[in-house]
């Protein structure tokens, strides 16, 4: 579906049933989904490892969950 629709993807790093890093790895593993897909990650984890790892994988934007969604609008 990501290949055909090329959506922007809001993603929580701490998903209950699937690790957000695994989602990023799957999306960025294929050139077909890496290039057109923009992933914005939200996380309550603000430790250095939780921030560096997704950035090193190619993620460009991480929003801390310390703010409400409406504060970004």
Protein backbone atom coordinates (compact mmCIF):
# COMPACT_ATOMS: atom_id res chain seq x y z
CA UNK A 1 0.00 0.00 0.00
CA UNK A 2 2.85 2.41 0.82
CA UNK A 3 4.34 1.89 -2.62
CA UNK A 4 1.15 2.77 -4.46
CA UNK A 5 -0.19 5.57 -2.24
CA UNK A 6 3.12 7.14 -1.12
CA UNK A 7 1.62 8.58 2.09
CA UNK A 8 3.20 10.66 4.79
CA UNK A 9 3.47 8.49 7.90
CA UNK A 10 3.03 9.70 11.48
CA UNK A 11 4.72 7.10 13.65
CA UNK A 12 5.00 6.51 17.38
CA UNK A 13 8.32 5.00 18.41
CA UNK A 14 6.70 3.10 21.28
CA UNK A 15 4.00 1.12 19.49
CA UNK A 16 2.41 -1.61 21.58
CA UNK A 17 2.41 -4.44 19.08
CA UNK A 18 5.25 -3.37 16.78
CA UNK A 19 8.45 -1.48 17.44
CA UNK A 20 8.49 1.87 15.66
CA UNK A 21 12.13 1.30 14.68
CA UNK A 22 11.09 -1.91 12.90
CA UNK A 23 8.53 0.09 10.91
CA UNK A 24 11.21 2.63 9.92
CA UNK A 25 13.58 -0.17 8.91
CA UNK A 26 10.90 -1.80 6.77
CA UNK A 27 9.92 1.46 5.08
CA UNK A 28 13.49 2.58 4.41
CA UNK A 29 14.76 -0.86 3.34
CA UNK A 30 13.20 -0.56 -0.10
CA UNK A 31 13.97 2.29 -2.51
CA UNK A 32 10.31 2.18 -3.56
CA UNK A 33 9.13 3.22 -0.09
CA UNK A 34 12.18 5.10 1.18
CA UNK A 35 12.22 8.03 -1.21
CA UNK A 36 8.61 9.20 -1.51
CA UNK A 37 7.57 8.39 2.05
CA UNK A 38 7.98 11.06 4.71
CA UNK A 39 7.92 9.74 8.27
CA UNK A 40 7.32 12.00 11.27
CA UNK A 41 8.00 10.24 14.53
CA UNK A 42 6.55 11.09 17.91
CA UNK A 43 7.99 9.72 21.12
CA UNK A 44 7.97 10.20 24.85
CA UNK A 45 11.45 8.64 24.95
CA UNK A 46 13.89 11.52 25.03
CA UNK A 47 17.08 9.62 25.85
CA UNK A 48 19.98 10.01 23.43
CA UNK A 49 19.77 6.44 22.07
CA UNK A 50 16.06 6.76 21.26
CA UNK A 51 16.73 9.95 19.30
CA UNK A 52 20.01 9.00 17.58
CA UNK A 53 18.94 5.59 16.33
CA UNK A 54 16.00 6.73 14.16
CA UNK A 55 17.99 9.73 12.90
CA UNK A 56 20.85 7.45 11.87
CA UNK A 57 18.31 5.35 9.94
CA UNK A 58 17.25 8.34 7.84
CA UNK A 59 14.36 9.78 9.82
CA UNK A 60 14.33 13.57 9.63
CA UNK A 61 11.73 14.78 12.14
CA UNK A 62 11.11 13.70 15.74
CA UNK A 63 8.52 15.45 17.89
CA UNK A 64 8.59 14.93 21.65
CA UNK A 65 5.28 13.85 23.14
CA UNK A 66 5.65 16.40 25.89
CA UNK A 67 3.37 18.74 23.93
CA UNK A 68 -0.16 18.26 22.73
CA UNK A 69 -0.91 17.76 19.06
CA UNK A 70 -2.73 21.09 18.83
CA UNK A 71 0.39 22.96 19.90
CA UNK A 72 1.99 21.96 16.57
CA UNK A 73 -0.90 23.31 14.49
